[in-house]
Protein backbone atom coordinates (compact mmCIF):
# COMPACT_ATOMS: atom_id res chain seq x y z
CA MET A 1 2.25 23.24 1.58
CA ILE A 2 3.75 19.81 2.14
CA HIS A 3 2.34 17.01 -0.01
CA ILE A 4 2.16 13.46 1.35
CA VAL A 5 1.61 10.41 -0.85
CA PHE A 6 1.71 6.67 -0.23
CA ASN A 7 3.31 5.41 -3.48
CA GLU A 8 6.57 6.32 -5.18
CA ALA A 9 4.77 6.43 -8.55
CA ASP A 10 2.55 9.23 -7.22
CA ILE A 11 5.53 11.54 -6.74
CA LYS A 12 6.34 11.88 -10.43
CA VAL A 13 2.81 12.68 -11.56
CA LEU A 14 2.36 15.21 -8.76
CA GLN A 15 5.65 16.87 -9.70
CA GLU A 16 4.39 17.15 -13.28
CA ALA A 17 1.17 18.71 -11.98
CA GLN A 18 3.21 21.26 -10.02
CA GLN A 19 4.89 22.32 -13.27
CA LEU A 20 1.43 23.05 -14.71
CA ASP A 21 0.12 24.84 -11.61
CA THR A 22 2.56 26.66 -9.33
CA SER A 23 -0.10 26.94 -6.60
CA LEU A 24 0.64 23.28 -5.92
CA ASP A 25 4.32 23.97 -5.27
CA GLY A 26 5.78 22.34 -2.20
CA PRO A 27 7.89 19.39 -1.12
CA ILE A 28 6.51 15.89 -1.68
CA ILE A 29 7.16 13.21 0.90
CA SER A 30 6.27 9.53 0.69
CA ILE A 31 5.08 7.02 3.28
CA LYS A 32 6.80 3.84 2.13
CA ASP A 33 5.48 0.95 4.23
CA ASP A 34 2.41 -0.96 3.09
CA TYR A 35 0.08 -0.88 6.10
CA ALA A 36 -2.53 -2.92 4.21
CA VAL A 37 -0.58 -6.05 5.16
CA GLY A 38 1.32 -7.24 8.20
CA PRO A 39 0.92 -7.04 11.99
CA LEU A 40 -0.15 -3.71 13.49
CA LYS A 41 -0.45 -4.45 17.21
CA ASP A 42 1.15 -1.61 19.22
CA ILE A 43 2.40 -0.14 15.94
CA PHE A 44 3.32 3.20 17.54
CA THR A 45 5.56 1.59 20.17
CA GLU A 46 9.15 0.42 19.79
CA GLU A 47 8.09 -3.15 20.52
CA GLY A 48 5.26 -3.13 17.98
CA SER A 49 7.49 -1.58 15.34
CA ALA A 50 10.13 -4.25 15.96
CA VAL A 51 7.55 -7.03 15.53
CA ARG A 52 6.49 -5.54 12.21
CA LYS A 53 10.08 -5.25 10.96
CA THR A 54 10.72 -8.88 11.90
CA TRP A 55 7.59 -9.91 10.00
CA TRP A 56 8.70 -8.04 6.88
CA THR A 57 12.17 -9.62 7.16
CA VAL A 58 10.54 -13.06 7.06
CA VAL A 59 8.24 -12.15 4.16
CA LEU A 60 11.05 -10.73 2.03
CA ALA A 61 13.66 -13.37 2.90
CA GLY A 62 15.14 -15.03 -0.17
CA GLY A 63 13.01 -12.98 -2.54
CA ASP A 64 13.65 -10.08 -4.87
CA LEU A 65 13.77 -7.68 -1.89
CA ASP A 66 15.83 -9.89 0.41
CA GLY A 67 17.68 -7.70 2.92
CA PHE A 68 15.54 -4.64 2.19
CA VAL A 69 14.52 -4.22 5.83
CA GLU A 70 18.08 -4.48 7.08
CA LYS A 71 19.16 -1.66 4.75
CA GLY A 72 16.86 0.72 6.64
CA LEU A 73 15.37 2.17 3.46
CA VAL A 74 11.90 2.38 5.04
CA ASN A 75 11.67 4.63 8.10
CA ASP A 76 8.22 6.16 8.17
CA ALA A 77 8.58 7.10 11.83
CA ALA A 78 11.45 9.41 10.88
CA VAL A 79 9.35 10.89 8.06
CA VAL A 80 6.56 11.74 10.53
CA ALA A 81 9.06 13.14 13.05
CA ASP A 82 10.43 15.44 10.34
CA LEU A 83 6.87 16.45 9.37
CA HIS A 84 6.16 17.35 13.01
CA THR A 85 9.27 19.52 13.09
CA ARG A 86 8.32 21.36 9.90
CA LEU A 87 4.80 22.07 11.13
CA GLN A 88 5.99 23.17 14.56
CA ASP A 89 8.67 25.47 13.17
CA ASP A 90 6.30 27.18 10.72
CA PRO A 91 2.76 27.81 12.07
CA ALA A 92 1.66 28.89 8.58
CA GLU A 93 2.69 25.56 7.01
CA SER A 94 0.08 22.95 6.10
CA ALA A 95 0.15 19.34 4.95
CA TRP A 96 -1.93 17.82 2.14
CA ILE A 97 -2.55 14.08 2.32
CA TRP A 98 -3.31 12.58 -1.12
CA ALA A 99 -5.09 9.22 -1.10
CA GLY A 100 -6.62 7.06 -3.82
CA GLN A 101 -9.49 4.65 -3.34
CA ASN A 102 -7.45 1.60 -2.43
CA LYS A 103 -6.63 -0.27 0.76
CA HIS A 104 -2.95 0.68 0.62
CA ASP A 105 -3.61 4.44 0.67
CA VAL A 106 -6.49 4.23 3.16
CA SER A 107 -4.46 2.10 5.57
CA GLY A 108 -1.61 4.60 5.24
CA TYR A 109 -4.03 7.46 5.87
CA TYR A 110 -5.21 5.95 9.16
CA TRP A 111 -1.64 5.28 10.27
CA LEU A 112 -0.51 8.82 9.44
CA MET A 113 -3.41 10.98 10.59
CA SER A 114 -3.51 9.20 13.96
CA GLN A 115 -0.21 10.97 14.69
CA LEU A 116 -1.20 14.49 13.59
CA LYS A 117 -4.06 15.53 15.87
CA GLU A 118 -2.09 18.43 17.36
CA PHE A 119 -2.08 20.04 13.92
CA ALA A 120 -5.85 19.88 13.39
CA GLY A 121 -6.96 22.59 10.99
CA ARG A 122 -3.66 22.46 9.09
CA ILE A 123 -3.96 18.94 7.69
CA GLN A 124 -5.85 18.69 4.42
CA ILE A 125 -7.15 15.44 2.92
CA LEU A 126 -7.69 14.83 -0.78
CA TYR A 127 -9.39 11.47 -0.91
CA LEU A 128 -10.30 10.66 -4.51
CA ASN A 129 -13.14 8.37 -3.53
CA ASN A 130 -15.24 7.20 -6.48
CA LEU A 131 -14.64 10.42 -8.40
CA PRO A 132 -14.54 10.64 -12.23
CA PHE A 133 -11.52 11.94 -14.12
CA ILE A 134 -10.57 12.24 -17.80
CA ASN A 135 -7.83 9.91 -19.03
CA ASP A 136 -5.30 10.59 -21.80
CA LYS A 137 -7.78 9.30 -24.41
CA GLY A 138 -10.48 11.71 -23.28
CA HIS A 139 -12.58 9.04 -21.59
CA ILE A 140 -14.13 9.25 -18.15
CA PHE A 141 -12.68 6.79 -15.66
CA TYR A 142 -12.60 6.21 -11.91
CA PRO A 143 -8.98 5.90 -10.79
CA GLU A 144 -7.99 3.55 -8.01
CA TRP A 145 -4.47 5.00 -7.73
CA LEU A 146 -3.26 8.60 -7.88
CA HIS A 147 -0.61 7.88 -10.51
CA GLN A 148 -3.36 6.78 -12.92
CA ILE A 149 -4.56 10.41 -13.10
CA PRO A 150 -3.03 12.62 -15.83
CA PRO A 151 -1.09 15.57 -14.33
CA ARG A 152 -3.52 18.12 -15.78
CA GLU A 153 -6.35 16.49 -13.83
CA PHE A 154 -4.54 17.14 -10.55
CA ILE A 155 -5.28 20.82 -11.09
CA LYS A 156 -8.98 19.98 -10.75
CA ALA A 157 -8.33 17.49 -7.96
CA LYS A 158 -6.79 20.16 -5.73
CA LYS A 159 -10.25 21.73 -5.38
CA LEU A 160 -11.26 18.65 -3.38
CA ALA A 161 -8.83 19.47 -0.57
CA ARG A 162 -10.54 19.93 2.80
CA PRO A 163 -9.32 19.98 6.38
CA ILE A 164 -9.55 16.75 8.35
CA THR A 165 -12.26 17.62 10.86
CA LEU A 166 -11.95 17.51 14.64
CA SER A 167 -14.55 14.75 14.59
CA GLU A 168 -12.40 12.69 12.23
CA PHE A 169 -9.38 13.24 14.46
CA GLU A 170 -11.44 11.74 17.28
CA VAL A 171 -13.12 8.86 15.44
CA ASP A 172 -10.55 7.69 12.87
CA PRO A 173 -7.69 7.00 15.33
CA ASP A 174 -10.12 4.90 17.38
CA GLU A 175 -11.01 2.96 14.24
CA TRP A 176 -7.30 2.45 13.54
CA THR A 177 -6.74 1.21 17.10
CA ARG A 178 -9.56 -1.31 16.64
CA ILE A 179 -8.00 -2.52 13.40
CA CYS A 180 -4.57 -2.80 15.03
CA ASN A 181 -5.93 -4.79 17.96
CA GLU A 182 -7.76 -7.39 15.85
CA GLY A 183 -4.53 -9.24 15.19
CA LYS A 184 -5.20 -9.81 11.48
CA THR A 185 -2.63 -9.52 8.68
CA VAL A 186 -4.56 -8.50 5.55
CA ARG A 187 -6.72 -5.40 5.16
CA LEU A 188 -9.39 -4.91 2.50
CA LEU A 189 -11.29 -1.78 1.46
CA GLU A 190 -15.07 -2.20 1.42
CA GLY A 191 -15.79 1.35 0.32
CA GLY A 192 -15.24 4.88 1.56
CA LYS A 193 -12.73 4.53 4.41
CA LYS A 194 -14.13 1.25 5.74
CA LEU A 195 -11.48 -1.43 6.14
CA THR A 196 -12.15 -5.09 6.90
CA GLN A 197 -9.51 -7.67 7.71
CA ALA A 198 -8.54 -11.24 6.92
CA ASP A 199 -5.84 -13.76 7.80
CA GLU A 200 -2.50 -13.97 6.03
CA ASP A 201 -3.68 -16.78 3.73
CA PHE A 202 -6.52 -14.66 2.28
CA TYR A 203 -5.00 -14.55 -1.23
CA ASP A 204 -3.82 -18.18 -1.35
CA ALA A 205 -6.88 -19.81 -2.93
CA ASP A 206 -7.13 -17.22 -5.69
CA LEU A 207 -3.38 -17.29 -6.29
CA ARG A 208 -3.52 -21.05 -6.76
CA LYS A 209 -6.11 -20.60 -9.54
CA PHE A 210 -3.40 -19.06 -11.73
CA ILE A 211 -1.12 -22.08 -11.39
CA THR A 212 -1.69 -24.42 -14.34
CA SER A 213 -0.51 -27.82 -15.51
CA ASP A 214 2.16 -26.07 -17.58
CA TRP A 215 5.40 -24.70 -16.23
CA GLN A 216 5.24 -20.96 -15.51
CA LYS A 217 7.73 -18.57 -14.00
CA GLY A 218 6.68 -17.40 -10.56
CA SER A 219 6.68 -13.88 -12.01
CA LYS A 220 4.08 -14.88 -14.62
CA VAL A 221 1.77 -16.42 -12.02
CA ILE A 222 1.99 -13.26 -9.94
CA HIS A 223 1.51 -11.00 -12.99
CA ASN A 224 -1.62 -12.89 -14.04
CA PHE A 225 -2.97 -12.65 -10.50
CA LEU A 226 -2.34 -8.90 -10.34
CA THR A 227 -4.00 -8.21 -13.71
CA LYS A 228 -6.99 -10.53 -13.40
CA ASN A 229 -7.90 -11.08 -9.75
CA LYS A 230 -10.47 -8.93 -7.95
CA HIS A 231 -8.46 -8.50 -4.76
CA THR A 232 -4.74 -7.85 -5.15
CA THR A 233 -1.78 -6.83 -3.04
CA GLY A 234 1.94 -6.17 -3.42
CA ASP A 235 4.03 -8.61 -5.45
CA ALA A 236 6.49 -9.18 -2.58
CA TYR A 237 3.67 -10.44 -0.38
CA LEU A 238 2.35 -12.61 -3.22
CA LEU A 239 5.79 -14.12 -3.79
CA TRP A 240 5.89 -15.10 -0.12
CA ARG A 241 2.46 -16.71 -0.39
CA LEU A 242 3.37 -18.49 -3.64
CA LYS A 243 6.39 -20.03 -1.91
CA HIS A 244 4.08 -21.11 0.91
CA LEU A 245 1.76 -22.79 -1.60
CA VAL A 246 4.70 -24.63 -3.17
CA ASN A 247 5.80 -25.96 0.21
CA ALA A 248 2.36 -26.67 1.66
CA SER A 249 0.41 -27.88 -1.38
CA GLY A 250 2.89 -30.17 -3.08
CA LEU A 251 3.14 -28.12 -6.25
CA ASP A 252 5.83 -29.06 -8.72
CA VAL A 253 8.71 -26.60 -8.81
CA GLN A 254 11.97 -26.32 -10.68
CA GLY A 255 14.71 -23.78 -10.19
CA ASP A 256 15.78 -21.83 -7.13
CA LEU A 257 12.84 -20.90 -4.90
CA ARG A 258 14.04 -17.35 -4.32
CA GLY A 259 13.17 -14.41 -6.60
CA MET A 260 10.01 -14.64 -8.68
CA LYS A 261 12.00 -15.13 -11.90
CA ASP A 262 14.27 -17.79 -10.39
CA PHE A 263 11.81 -20.67 -10.42
CA GLU A 264 8.94 -22.24 -12.34
CA VAL A 265 5.86 -23.84 -10.87
CA LYS A 266 2.97 -26.01 -12.02
CA LEU A 267 0.24 -28.24 -10.63
CA PRO A 268 1.43 -31.67 -9.42
CA THR A 269 1.80 -34.31 -12.10
CA PRO A 270 -0.89 -36.96 -11.55
CA VAL A 271 0.43 -40.31 -10.41
CA SER A 272 -0.64 -43.01 -12.86
CA ALA A 273 -2.20 -46.15 -11.41
CA GLU A 274 -0.50 -49.37 -12.42
């Protein structure tokens, strides 16, 4: 079997689970792009892919991942092409898609499965949707991300694997097409596999709440947002939005407005009336 995950952190824990249960043996591949943000129009065409790459170049420019797109380190289309080859060359091979209950994994699921219809019956989905697991302290919890699950619990999780149905291969790609055609930039998970969308400034108001009258590193503002806010997203996207807030909202800033540790930000100093 070929395992597919949507986060690099998931690879390690799944590898540890494979050491505990050899029935899980098989290569692990990762879908690297974050399809929960960014333009998706015509995503499966060369033109649509180019628009998305240009968008990511703008978002990452001057930040901690500046130049990441140009290095070509993310090429999910090549990953899917290789997956097609493996499945075509070996009719007995199957693919297991592992997804946690979060917008990142669900968006990745829609993007991926929409390209695998010809292999219906050989594509398994393990969607850990609102399911209880036991953490390292012996407590029941409901993981949002796969890498939050102890390796031993993956042995139980494998029993949840089921084939993606023919009905899902008909309906879900249509849902993905609808999402792609809406022209929005931010996707949110309402529950199950239901995604809603918002504009690129969706996180701005909440992000601003973590900016105080005291100087804080950009990294601290983003960390507080990620640990305390209800809706979160990747730190690279948040850094881009924080820079936008600095430029558009007149926030005070000192340092180099590049990486999140390169500058400090605070609310504007009130102007005293004389």
